[in-house]
Amino acid sequence: MYSVAALYKFSVIENPKTLQVELRKQLKNNLITGTILVGEEGLNGTIAGDQANLKLALKYIKSIHGFSDLDIKYSESKENPFARLKIKLKKEIVTIGDESIDPNDIVGQYVDPENWNDLISDENTILIDTRNDYEYSIGTFKNSINPNTVKFREFPEWVKKQNFSKEDKETKKVAMFCTGGIRCEKASSFMKKDGFNNVNHLKGGILKYFEVVDEKDSLWSGECFVFDDRVSVRHDLSVGTFDMCHGCRMPITEEDKKSVSYIKGVACHKCFNEKTEEQKARYMSRQKQIEIARGRNQKHIGPKDLAKK
């Protein structure tokens, strides 16, 4: 069994490049897999390992200046959800596309999961899902607004198009959420800067809500998309029912796999017509290697950029 930790923290990092090198060294020594983004505004990522090694890795990260109160959400996976360890340098650890938005400077009110239901049940609350459209499609909080974004950087433009009135900004409560808390925290910084008075965001995100709130009391409907090989998790944090199309990285159901446009490891009905024959041939070759590795009881690790094609 692998322990999985989704983590982030907005805290100023003076020399991201130096920290990138040190993080890679320390986490490799702890046999950790996963991805961590390093930027001047902080850290963001999800990592996995056996329980003892993950504990050591997190102890090290929390020892970094400014990260003692690192936000961490835990779950488990029967298989390692990551193929390798990647420590990446980024201008933004979550991209909103406006460098003037700084959660280290201004941010909304954190709402603990225990208090979230009361807030979003208030008729004066505007409940916004800050995740992308495909994430919303497999699960969300009841009565939440879907901004229909493909990328998080589209969120500010969506807000502007809503033409919220001055009265809305002054009197309405805004409640926002995302998977682990980082996108809604950054979105809250944008909303505050845009003039909204009462801005709230779910501390620790959906994953922390799943940890803390009993399923019988939950206002969540569906599953939660996660950015690893598990694809989605249920409210009890067990692996969900969705698979992933390796052509477009979108979640797919067993029903989707019945489509004539679905080719395992290659494409689904959402992306079949968008892929070139060259891409399909390349993906088919990769899938063949995966099947060979699986037959040998090995984990296939392909080219790092293959999933981005």
C-alpha atoms as a PDB file:
ATOM      1  CA  MET A   1       0.000   0.000   0.000  1.00  0.00           C
ATOM      2  CA  TYR A   2       1.302   3.448  -0.952  1.00  0.00           C
ATOM      3  CA  SER A   3       0.666   6.585   1.081  1.00  0.00           C
ATOM      4  CA  VAL A   4      -0.215   9.647  -1.006  1.00  0.00           C
ATOM      5  CA  ALA A   5       0.132  13.281   0.105  1.00  0.00           C
ATOM      6  CA  ALA A   6      -1.328  16.245  -1.775  1.00  0.00           C
ATOM      7  CA  LEU A   7       0.438  19.359  -0.508  1.00  0.00           C
ATOM      8  CA  TYR A   8       0.828  23.063  -1.087  1.00  0.00           C
ATOM      9  CA  LYS A   9       1.732  26.292   0.634  1.00  0.00           C
ATOM     10  CA  PHE A  10       1.996  29.872  -0.529  1.00  0.00           C
ATOM     11  CA  SER A  11       5.185  31.191   1.037  1.00  0.00           C
ATOM     12  CA  VAL A  12       7.937  33.302  -0.525  1.00  0.00           C
ATOM     13  CA  ILE A  13      10.935  31.292  -1.786  1.00  0.00           C
ATOM     14  CA  GLU A  14      14.015  33.430  -2.366  1.00  0.00           C
ATOM     15  CA  ASN A  15      15.914  30.927  -4.541  1.00  0.00           C
ATOM     16  CA  PRO A  16      13.585  28.391  -6.208  1.00  0.00           C
ATOM     17  CA  LYS A  17      16.371  26.825  -8.296  1.00  0.00           C
ATOM     18  CA  THR A  18      18.450  25.949  -5.233  1.00  0.00           C
ATOM     19  CA  LEU A  19      15.393  24.492  -3.504  1.00  0.00           C
ATOM     20  CA  GLN A  20      14.509  22.474  -6.625  1.00  0.00           C
ATOM     21  CA  VAL A  21      17.897  20.759  -6.549  1.00  0.00           C
ATOM     22  CA  GLU A  22      17.741  20.053  -2.823  1.00  0.00           C
ATOM     23  CA  LEU A  23      14.162  18.762  -2.980  1.00  0.00           C
ATOM     24  CA  ARG A  24      15.023  16.361  -5.788  1.00  0.00           C
ATOM     25  CA  LYS A  25      18.001  15.030  -3.845  1.00  0.00           C
ATOM     26  CA  GLN A  26      16.121  14.572  -0.570  1.00  0.00           C
ATOM     27  CA  LEU A  27      13.010  12.995  -2.082  1.00  0.00           C
ATOM     28  CA  LYS A  28      15.003  10.613  -4.274  1.00  0.00           C
ATOM     29  CA  ASN A  29      16.795   9.434  -1.148  1.00  0.00           C
ATOM     30  CA  ASN A  30      13.370   8.738   0.360  1.00  0.00           C
ATOM     31  CA  LEU A  31      12.247   6.776  -2.753  1.00  0.00           C
ATOM     32  CA  ILE A  32       9.415   9.245  -3.362  1.00  0.00           C
ATOM     33  CA  THR A  33       7.506   9.549  -6.653  1.00  0.00           C
ATOM     34  CA  GLY A  34       5.149  12.278  -7.820  1.00  0.00           C
ATOM     35  CA  THR A  35       5.430  15.922  -8.817  1.00  0.00           C
ATOM     36  CA  ILE A  36       6.227  19.099  -6.909  1.00  0.00           C
ATOM     37  CA  LEU A  37       6.120  22.560  -8.493  1.00  0.00           C
ATOM     38  CA  VAL A  38       8.553  25.103  -7.062  1.00  0.00           C
ATOM     39  CA  GLY A  39       8.141  28.852  -7.577  1.00  0.00           C
ATOM     40  CA  GLU A  40       8.835  32.138  -5.878  1.00  0.00           C
ATOM     41  CA  GLU A  41       5.293  32.060  -4.464  1.00  0.00           C
ATOM     42  CA  GLY A  42       5.578  28.600  -2.861  1.00  0.00           C
ATOM     43  CA  LEU A  43       5.220  24.835  -3.369  1.00  0.00           C
ATOM     44  CA  ASN A  44       2.468  22.687  -4.879  1.00  0.00           C
ATOM     45  CA  GLY A  45       2.317  18.980  -5.646  1.00  0.00           C
ATOM     46  CA  THR A  46       1.335  15.413  -4.901  1.00  0.00           C
ATOM     47  CA  ILE A  47       3.821  12.731  -3.872  1.00  0.00           C
ATOM     48  CA  ALA A  48       3.702   9.077  -2.885  1.00  0.00           C
ATOM     49  CA  GLY A  49       5.817   6.437  -1.148  1.00  0.00           C
ATOM     50  CA  ASP A  50       5.639   3.894   1.616  1.00  0.00           C
ATOM     51  CA  GLN A  51       4.397   5.357   4.880  1.00  0.00           C
ATOM     52  CA  ALA A  52       7.807   5.631   6.572  1.00  0.00           C
ATOM     53  CA  ASN A  53       9.549   7.261   3.615  1.00  0.00           C
ATOM     54  CA  LEU A  54       6.684   9.663   2.958  1.00  0.00           C
ATOM     55  CA  LYS A  55       6.785  10.732   6.603  1.00  0.00           C
ATOM     56  CA  LEU A  56      10.515  11.520   6.270  1.00  0.00           C
ATOM     57  CA  ALA A  57       9.973  13.433   3.029  1.00  0.00           C
ATOM     58  CA  LEU A  58       7.222  15.566   4.540  1.00  0.00           C
ATOM     59  CA  LYS A  59       9.314  16.208   7.630  1.00  0.00           C
ATOM     60  CA  TYR A  60      12.032  17.600   5.393  1.00  0.00           C
ATOM     61  CA  ILE A  61       9.622  19.802   3.397  1.00  0.00           C
ATOM     62  CA  LYS A  62       8.090  21.173   6.603  1.00  0.00           C
ATOM     63  CA  SER A  63      11.613  22.037   7.832  1.00  0.00           C
ATOM     64  CA  ILE A  64      12.021  24.495   4.930  1.00  0.00           C
ATOM     65  CA  HIS A  65      11.654  28.096   6.102  1.00  0.00           C
ATOM     66  CA  GLY A  66       8.043  29.217   5.736  1.00  0.00           C
ATOM     67  CA  PHE A  67       6.586  25.713   5.269  1.00  0.00           C
ATOM     68  CA  SER A  68       6.160  24.415   8.826  1.00  0.00           C
ATOM     69  CA  ASP A  69       2.374  24.647   8.428  1.00  0.00           C
ATOM     70  CA  LEU A  70       2.329  22.971   5.012  1.00  0.00           C
ATOM     71  CA  ASP A  71      -1.217  22.049   3.907  1.00  0.00           C
ATOM     72  CA  ILE A  72      -1.334  18.247   3.486  1.00  0.00           C
ATOM     73  CA  LYS A  73      -4.140  15.863   2.501  1.00  0.00           C
ATOM     74  CA  TYR A  74      -3.558  12.125   2.854  1.00  0.00           C
ATOM     75  CA  SER A  75      -4.943   9.150   0.963  1.00  0.00           C
ATOM     76  CA  GLU A  76      -3.793   5.661  -0.059  1.00  0.00           C
ATOM     77  CA  SER A  77      -3.330   3.660  -3.231  1.00  0.00           C
ATOM     78  CA  LYS A  78      -2.763  -0.063  -3.741  1.00  0.00           C
ATOM     79  CA  GLU A  79      -0.393   0.747  -6.611  1.00  0.00           C
ATOM     80  CA  ASN A  80       2.103   3.561  -6.951  1.00  0.00           C
ATOM     81  CA  PRO A  81       0.071   6.332  -8.643  1.00  0.00           C
ATOM     82  CA  PHE A  82       3.197   7.921 -10.166  1.00  0.00           C
ATOM     83  CA  ALA A  83       5.864   6.602 -12.531  1.00  0.00           C
ATOM     84  CA  ARG A  84       8.683   8.886 -11.414  1.00  0.00           C
ATOM     85  CA  LEU A  85       9.698  11.905  -9.340  1.00  0.00           C
ATOM     86  CA  LYS A  86       9.520  15.329 -10.990  1.00  0.00           C
ATOM     87  CA  ILE A  87      10.508  18.616  -9.328  1.00  0.00           C
ATOM     88  CA  LYS A  88       9.623  21.468 -11.692  1.00  0.00           C
ATOM     89  CA  LEU A  89      10.418  25.186 -11.624  1.00  0.00           C
ATOM     90  CA  LYS A  90       7.391  27.394 -12.372  1.00  0.00           C
ATOM     91  CA  LYS A  91       6.655  31.125 -12.378  1.00  0.00           C
ATOM     92  CA  GLU A  92       3.333  30.279 -10.723  1.00  0.00           C
ATOM     93  CA  ILE A  93       2.721  27.110  -8.722  1.00  0.00           C
ATOM     94  CA  VAL A  94      -0.869  27.345  -9.918  1.00  0.00           C
ATOM     95  CA  THR A  95      -1.344  29.406 -13.065  1.00  0.00           C
ATOM     96  CA  ILE A  96      -3.938  32.163 -13.036  1.00  0.00           C
ATOM     97  CA  GLY A  97      -2.026  34.214 -15.608  1.00  0.00           C
ATOM     98  CA  ASP A  98      -1.813  37.442 -13.599  1.00  0.00           C
ATOM     99  CA  GLU A  99       1.374  37.896 -11.613  1.00  0.00           C
ATOM    100  CA  SER A 100      -0.213  40.723  -9.606  1.00  0.00           C
ATOM    101  CA  ILE A 101      -2.432  38.125  -7.880  1.00  0.00           C
ATOM    102  CA  ASP A 102      -0.489  37.232  -4.741  1.00  0.00           C
ATOM    103  CA  PRO A 103      -1.965  35.026  -1.986  1.00  0.00           C
ATOM    104  CA  ASN A 104       1.085  35.897   0.096  1.00  0.00           C
ATOM    105  CA  ASP A 105      -0.239  39.473   0.118  1.00  0.00           C
ATOM    106  CA  ILE A 106      -4.035  39.181   0.219  1.00  0.00           C
ATOM    107  CA  VAL A 107      -6.343  36.187   0.491  1.00  0.00           C
ATOM    108  CA  GLY A 108      -9.930  35.313   1.406  1.00  0.00           C
ATOM    109  CA  GLN A 109     -11.189  33.698   4.581  1.00  0.00           C
ATOM    110  CA  TYR A 110     -10.277  30.043   5.143  1.00  0.00           C
ATOM    111  CA  VAL A 111     -13.293  27.891   6.014  1.00  0.00           C
ATOM    112  CA  ASP A 112     -12.676  24.617   7.849  1.00  0.00           C
ATOM    113  CA  PRO A 113     -14.456  21.567   6.403  1.00  0.00           C
ATOM    114  CA  GLU A 114     -16.555  21.275   9.578  1.00  0.00           C
ATOM    115  CA  ASN A 115     -18.110  24.689   8.843  1.00  0.00           C
ATOM    116  CA  TRP A 116     -18.392  24.378   5.076  1.00  0.00           C
ATOM    117  CA  ASN A 117     -21.918  22.909   4.929  1.00  0.00           C
ATOM    118  CA  ASP A 118     -23.392  25.808   6.889  1.00  0.00           C
ATOM    119  CA  LEU A 119     -21.751  28.367   4.610  1.00  0.00           C
ATOM    120  CA  ILE A 120     -22.839  26.822   1.323  1.00  0.00           C
ATOM    121  CA  SER A 121     -26.365  26.196   2.614  1.00  0.00           C
ATOM    122  CA  ASP A 122     -26.827  29.934   3.171  1.00  0.00           C
ATOM    123  CA  GLU A 123     -29.047  31.373   0.440  1.00  0.00           C
ATOM    124  CA  ASN A 124     -26.892  34.513   0.417  1.00  0.00           C
ATOM    125  CA  THR A 125     -23.836  32.484  -0.666  1.00  0.00           C
ATOM    126  CA  ILE A 126     -22.539  32.281  -4.243  1.00  0.00           C
ATOM    127  CA  LEU A 127     -20.921  28.827  -4.478  1.00  0.00           C
ATOM    128  CA  ILE A 128     -18.245  28.562  -7.206  1.00  0.00           C
ATOM    129  CA  ASP A 129     -16.310  25.485  -8.322  1.00  0.00           C
ATOM    130  CA  THR A 130     -12.895  26.853  -9.377  1.00  0.00           C
ATOM    131  CA  ARG A 131     -11.841  23.603 -11.057  1.00  0.00           C
ATOM    132  CA  ASN A 132     -12.048  22.806 -14.751  1.00  0.00           C
ATOM    133  CA  ASP A 133     -15.113  21.617 -16.620  1.00  0.00           C
ATOM    134  CA  TYR A 134     -14.041  17.955 -16.869  1.00  0.00           C
ATOM    135  CA  GLU A 135     -13.458  17.857 -13.096  1.00  0.00           C
ATOM    136  CA  TYR A 136     -16.873  19.376 -12.428  1.00  0.00           C
ATOM    137  CA  SER A 137     -18.497  16.819 -14.730  1.00  0.00           C
ATOM    138  CA  ILE A 138     -17.695  13.822 -12.491  1.00  0.00           C
ATOM    139  CA  GLY A 139     -18.538  15.396  -9.138  1.00  0.00           C
ATOM    140  CA  THR A 140     -19.131  18.668  -7.304  1.00  0.00           C
ATOM    141  CA  PHE A 141     -20.956  20.245  -4.376  1.00  0.00           C
ATOM    142  CA  LYS A 142     -24.699  20.488  -4.852  1.00  0.00           C
ATOM    143  CA  ASN A 143     -25.866  23.771  -6.418  1.00  0.00           C
ATOM    144  CA  SER A 144     -22.335  24.940  -7.253  1.00  0.00           C
ATOM    145  CA  ILE A 145     -21.667  27.153 -10.278  1.00  0.00           C
ATOM    146  CA  ASN A 146     -19.558  25.696 -13.085  1.00  0.00           C
ATOM    147  CA  PRO A 147     -17.445  28.409 -14.769  1.00  0.00           C
ATOM    148  CA  ASN A 148     -16.920  26.026 -17.718  1.00  0.00           C
ATOM    149  CA  THR A 149     -13.191  26.640 -17.803  1.00  0.00           C
ATOM    150  CA  VAL A 150     -10.692  24.411 -19.590  1.00  0.00           C
ATOM    151  CA  LYS A 151      -7.749  25.935 -17.699  1.00  0.00           C
ATOM    152  CA  PHE A 152      -7.604  27.762 -14.371  1.00  0.00           C
ATOM    153  CA  ARG A 153      -6.151  30.858 -16.052  1.00  0.00           C
ATOM    154  CA  GLU A 154      -9.585  31.370 -17.690  1.00  0.00           C
ATOM    155  CA  PHE A 155     -11.201  31.952 -14.292  1.00  0.00           C
ATOM    156  CA  PRO A 156     -10.587  35.753 -14.026  1.00  0.00           C
ATOM    157  CA  GLU A 157     -12.151  36.328 -17.445  1.00  0.00           C
ATOM    158  CA  TRP A 158     -15.190  34.253 -16.441  1.00  0.00           C
ATOM    159  CA  VAL A 159     -15.670  36.385 -13.318  1.00  0.00           C
ATOM    160  CA  LYS A 160     -15.515  39.580 -15.344  1.00  0.00           C
ATOM    161  CA  LYS A 161     -18.136  38.269 -17.784  1.00  0.00           C
ATOM    162  CA  GLN A 162     -20.604  37.680 -14.924  1.00  0.00           C
ATOM    163  CA  ASN A 163     -20.961  41.426 -14.417  1.00  0.00           C
ATOM    164  CA  PHE A 164     -21.402  41.101 -10.668  1.00  0.00           C
ATOM    165  CA  SER A 165     -22.966  44.294  -9.325  1.00  0.00           C
ATOM    166  CA  LYS A 166     -21.435  46.542  -6.698  1.00  0.00           C
ATOM    167  CA  GLU A 167     -24.160  45.331  -4.331  1.00  0.00           C
ATOM    168  CA  ASP A 168     -23.235  41.676  -5.029  1.00  0.00           C
ATOM    169  CA  LYS A 169     -19.598  42.393  -4.247  1.00  0.00           C
ATOM    170  CA  GLU A 170     -20.472  44.196  -1.035  1.00  0.00           C
ATOM    171  CA  THR A 171     -23.254  41.973   0.350  1.00  0.00           C
ATOM    172  CA  LYS A 172     -23.003  38.445  -1.086  1.00  0.00           C
ATOM    173  CA  LYS A 173     -20.882  35.720   0.432  1.00  0.00           C
ATOM    174  CA  VAL A 174     -18.605  34.008  -2.073  1.00  0.00           C
ATOM    175  CA  ALA A 175     -17.599  30.412  -1.323  1.00  0.00           C
ATOM    176  CA  MET A 176     -15.046  28.696  -3.573  1.00  0.00           C
ATOM    177  CA  PHE A 177     -13.477  25.258  -3.604  1.00  0.00           C
ATOM    178  CA  CYS A 178     -11.091  23.042  -5.554  1.00  0.00           C
ATOM    179  CA  THR A 179      -9.380  19.663  -5.162  1.00  0.00           C
ATOM    180  CA  GLY A 180      -6.724  20.494  -2.587  1.00  0.00           C
ATOM    181  CA  GLY A 181      -7.318  24.144  -1.768  1.00  0.00           C
ATOM    182  CA  ILE A 182      -4.657  25.874  -3.853  1.00  0.00           C
ATOM    183  CA  ARG A 183      -6.746  27.073  -6.803  1.00  0.00           C
ATOM    184  CA  CYS A 184      -9.580  28.406  -4.664  1.00  0.00           C
ATOM    185  CA  GLU A 185      -7.056  30.151  -2.416  1.00  0.00           C
ATOM    186  CA  LYS A 186      -5.487  31.918  -5.386  1.00  0.00           C
ATOM    187  CA  ALA A 187      -8.942  32.642  -6.804  1.00  0.00           C
ATOM    188  CA  SER A 188      -9.878  34.231  -3.486  1.00  0.00           C
ATOM    189  CA  SER A 189      -6.892  36.578  -3.846  1.00  0.00           C
ATOM    190  CA  PHE A 190      -8.197  37.584  -7.280  1.00  0.00           C
ATOM    191  CA  MET A 191     -11.750  38.088  -5.994  1.00  0.00           C
ATOM    192  CA  LYS A 192     -10.553  40.276  -3.122  1.00  0.00           C
ATOM    193  CA  LYS A 193      -8.521  42.373  -5.527  1.00  0.00           C
ATOM    194  CA  ASP A 194     -11.573  42.627  -7.798  1.00  0.00           C
ATOM    195  CA  GLY A 195     -13.620  44.221  -5.016  1.00  0.00           C
ATOM    196  CA  PHE A 196     -15.512  41.331  -3.433  1.00  0.00           C
ATOM    197  CA  ASN A 197     -15.898  41.915   0.289  1.00  0.00           C
ATOM    198  CA  ASN A 198     -16.862  38.528   1.764  1.00  0.00           C
ATOM    199  CA  VAL A 199     -14.682  35.912   0.055  1.00  0.00           C
ATOM    200  CA  ASN A 200     -14.316  32.401   1.491  1.00  0.00           C
ATOM    201  CA  HIS A 201     -12.514  29.257   0.361  1.00  0.00           C
ATOM    202  CA  LEU A 202     -12.525  25.657   1.583  1.00  0.00           C
ATOM    203  CA  LYS A 203      -9.383  25.013   3.609  1.00  0.00           C
ATOM    204  CA  GLY A 204      -7.647  21.897   2.302  1.00  0.00           C
ATOM    205  CA  GLY A 205     -10.124  21.600  -0.545  1.00  0.00           C
ATOM    206  CA  ILE A 206     -12.380  18.692  -1.399  1.00  0.00           C
ATOM    207  CA  LEU A 207      -9.848  16.096  -0.263  1.00  0.00           C
ATOM    208  CA  LYS A 208      -9.728  17.537   3.259  1.00  0.00           C
ATOM    209  CA  TYR A 209     -13.541  17.739   3.278  1.00  0.00           C
ATOM    210  CA  PHE A 210     -13.634  14.021   2.441  1.00  0.00           C
ATOM    211  CA  GLU A 211     -11.218  13.332   5.304  1.00  0.00           C
ATOM    212  CA  VAL A 212     -13.147  15.305   7.905  1.00  0.00           C
ATOM    213  CA  VAL A 213     -16.855  15.239   7.023  1.00  0.00           C
ATOM    214  CA  ASP A 214     -18.817  12.009   7.407  1.00  0.00           C
ATOM    215  CA  GLU A 215     -20.311  10.836   4.125  1.00  0.00           C
ATOM    216  CA  LYS A 216     -23.827  10.771   5.593  1.00  0.00           C
ATOM    217  CA  ASP A 217     -23.520  14.516   6.280  1.00  0.00           C
ATOM    218  CA  SER A 218     -21.869  15.326   2.972  1.00  0.00           C
ATOM    219  CA  LEU A 219     -23.202  17.834   0.449  1.00  0.00           C
ATOM    220  CA  TRP A 220     -20.894  16.430  -2.223  1.00  0.00           C
ATOM    221  CA  SER A 221     -22.295  14.540  -5.211  1.00  0.00           C
ATOM    222  CA  GLY A 222     -20.186  12.182  -7.337  1.00  0.00           C
ATOM    223  CA  GLU A 223     -16.442  11.548  -7.276  1.00  0.00           C
ATOM    224  CA  CYS A 224     -13.422  13.840  -7.165  1.00  0.00           C
ATOM    225  CA  PHE A 225     -10.896  13.967 -10.003  1.00  0.00           C
ATOM    226  CA  VAL A 226      -7.261  13.638  -8.894  1.00  0.00           C
ATOM    227  CA  PHE A 227      -4.148  14.293 -10.961  1.00  0.00           C
ATOM    228  CA  ASP A 228      -2.561  10.860 -10.821  1.00  0.00           C
ATOM    229  CA  ASP A 229      -3.153   7.318 -12.034  1.00  0.00           C
ATOM    230  CA  ARG A 230      -6.097   6.822  -9.680  1.00  0.00           C
ATOM    231  CA  VAL A 231      -8.058   9.341 -11.838  1.00  0.00           C
ATOM    232  CA  SER A 232     -10.764   9.848  -9.192  1.00  0.00           C
ATOM    233  CA  VAL A 233     -11.536   9.102  -5.553  1.00  0.00           C
ATOM    234  CA  ARG A 234     -14.785   8.489  -3.693  1.00  0.00           C
ATOM    235  CA  HIS A 235     -15.844  10.268  -0.510  1.00  0.00           C
ATOM    236  CA  ASP A 236     -14.083   7.599   1.579  1.00  0.00           C
ATOM    237  CA  LEU A 237     -10.899   8.380  -0.444  1.00  0.00           C
ATOM    238  CA  SER A 238     -10.881   4.950  -2.058  1.00  0.00           C
ATOM    239  CA  VAL A 239     -10.096   4.736  -5.786  1.00  0.00           C
ATOM    240  CA  GLY A 240     -13.084   5.801  -7.885  1.00  0.00           C
ATOM    241  CA  THR A 241     -14.780   4.317 -10.925  1.00  0.00           C
ATOM    242  CA  PHE A 242     -13.264   6.482 -13.659  1.00  0.00           C
ATOM    243  CA  ASP A 243     -10.420   5.614 -15.996  1.00  0.00           C
ATOM    244  CA  MET A 244      -8.315   8.030 -18.032  1.00  0.00           C
ATOM    245  CA  CYS A 245      -7.921   8.402 -21.776  1.00  0.00           C
ATOM    246  CA  HIS A 246      -4.189   8.543 -22.416  1.00  0.00           C
ATOM    247  CA  GLY A 247      -4.788  10.495 -25.598  1.00  0.00           C
ATOM    248  CA  CYS A 248      -6.391  13.561 -24.010  1.00  0.00           C
ATOM    249  CA  ARG A 249      -5.932  12.859 -20.259  1.00  0.00           C
ATOM    250  CA  MET A 250      -9.674  13.221 -19.687  1.00  0.00           C
ATOM    251  CA  PRO A 251     -11.689  10.997 -17.325  1.00  0.00           C
ATOM    252  CA  ILE A 252     -13.763   8.305 -19.053  1.00  0.00           C
ATOM    253  CA  THR A 253     -16.379   5.811 -17.879  1.00  0.00           C
ATOM    254  CA  GLU A 254     -16.898   2.150 -18.717  1.00  0.00           C
ATOM    255  CA  GLU A 255     -19.746   3.299 -20.967  1.00  0.00           C
ATOM    256  CA  ASP A 256     -17.344   5.633 -22.827  1.00  0.00           C
ATOM    257  CA  LYS A 257     -15.113   2.629 -23.536  1.00  0.00           C
ATOM    258  CA  LYS A 258     -17.923   1.034 -25.559  1.00  0.00           C
ATOM    259  CA  SER A 259     -17.628   3.790 -28.177  1.00  0.00           C
ATOM    260  CA  VAL A 260     -16.252   2.816 -31.585  1.00  0.00           C
ATOM    261  CA  SER A 261     -13.862   5.774 -31.160  1.00  0.00           C
ATOM    262  CA  TYR A 262     -12.269   4.332 -28.050  1.00  0.00           C
ATOM    263  CA  ILE A 263      -8.873   2.669 -28.438  1.00  0.00           C
ATOM    264  CA  LYS A 264      -7.192   1.689 -25.187  1.00  0.00           C
ATOM    265  CA  GLY A 265      -4.153   3.861 -24.485  1.00  0.00           C
ATOM    266  CA  VAL A 266      -4.728   5.834 -27.695  1.00  0.00           C
ATOM    267  CA  ALA A 267      -7.946   7.854 -27.905  1.00  0.00           C
ATOM    268  CA  CYS A 268     -11.567   8.168 -26.799  1.00  0.00           C
ATOM    269  CA  HIS A 269     -14.696   9.699 -28.317  1.00  0.00           C
ATOM    270  CA  LYS A 270     -13.588  13.115 -27.014  1.00  0.00           C
ATOM    271  CA  CYS A 271     -10.250  13.211 -28.831  1.00  0.00           C
ATOM    272  CA  PHE A 272     -10.306  10.522 -31.567  1.00  0.00           C
ATOM    273  CA  ASN A 273     -10.876  12.999 -34.404  1.00  0.00           C
ATOM    274  CA  GLU A 274      -8.294  15.440 -33.010  1.00  0.00           C
ATOM    275  CA  LYS A 275      -5.379  12.992 -33.089  1.00  0.00           C
ATOM    276  CA  THR A 276      -3.280  12.529 -36.215  1.00  0.00           C
ATOM    277  CA  GLU A 277      -2.554   9.082 -37.578  1.00  0.00           C
ATOM    278  CA  GLU A 278       1.079   9.583 -36.538  1.00  0.00           C
ATOM    279  CA  GLN A 279       0.033  10.301 -32.959  1.00  0.00           C
ATOM    280  CA  LYS A 280      -2.283   7.304 -32.865  1.00  0.00           C
ATOM    281  CA  ALA A 281       0.482   5.037 -34.160  1.00  0.00           C
ATOM    282  CA  ARG A 282       2.853   6.362 -31.522  1.00  0.00           C
ATOM    283  CA  TYR A 283       0.315   5.852 -28.744  1.00  0.00           C
ATOM    284  CA  MET A 284      -0.433   2.335 -29.995  1.00  0.00           C
ATOM    285  CA  SER A 285       3.268   1.527 -29.818  1.00  0.00           C
ATOM    286  CA  ARG A 286       3.406   2.880 -26.279  1.00  0.00           C
ATOM    287  CA  GLN A 287       0.372   0.839 -25.260  1.00  0.00           C
ATOM    288  CA  LYS A 288       1.990  -2.302 -26.668  1.00  0.00           C
ATOM    289  CA  GLN A 289       5.079  -1.646 -24.515  1.00  0.00           C
ATOM    290  CA  ILE A 290       2.853  -1.155 -21.483  1.00  0.00           C
ATOM    291  CA  GLU A 291       1.171  -4.507 -22.092  1.00  0.00           C
ATOM    292  CA  ILE A 292       4.553  -6.226 -22.483  1.00  0.00           C
ATOM    293  CA  ALA A 293       5.824  -4.642 -19.245  1.00  0.00           C
ATOM    294  CA  ARG A 294       2.630  -5.648 -17.436  1.00  0.00           C
ATOM    295  CA  GLY A 295       3.051  -9.225 -18.656  1.00  0.00           C
ATOM    296  CA  ARG A 296       6.512  -9.213 -17.073  1.00  0.00           C
ATOM    297  CA  ASN A 297       5.088  -7.724 -13.870  1.00  0.00           C
ATOM    298  CA  GLN A 298       7.013  -4.501 -14.493  1.00  0.00           C
ATOM    299  CA  LYS A 299       5.913  -0.860 -14.538  1.00  0.00           C
ATOM    300  CA  HIS A 300       6.367   0.808 -17.926  1.00  0.00           C
ATOM    301  CA  ILE A 301       7.964   4.266 -17.867  1.00  0.00           C
ATOM    302  CA  GLY A 302       7.718   5.964 -21.241  1.00  0.00           C
ATOM    303  CA  PRO A 303       9.057   9.282 -22.553  1.00  0.00           C
ATOM    304  CA  LYS A 304       8.441  12.151 -20.137  1.00  0.00           C
ATOM    305  CA  ASP A 305       6.587  14.278 -22.631  1.00  0.00           C
ATOM    306  CA  LEU A 306       4.461  11.582 -24.286  1.00  0.00           C
ATOM    307  CA  ALA A 307       1.309  12.413 -22.303  1.00  0.00           C
ATOM    308  CA  LYS A 308       1.563  16.048 -23.421  1.00  0.00           C
ATOM    309  CA  LYS A 309       1.352  15.325 -27.134  1.00  0.00           C
END
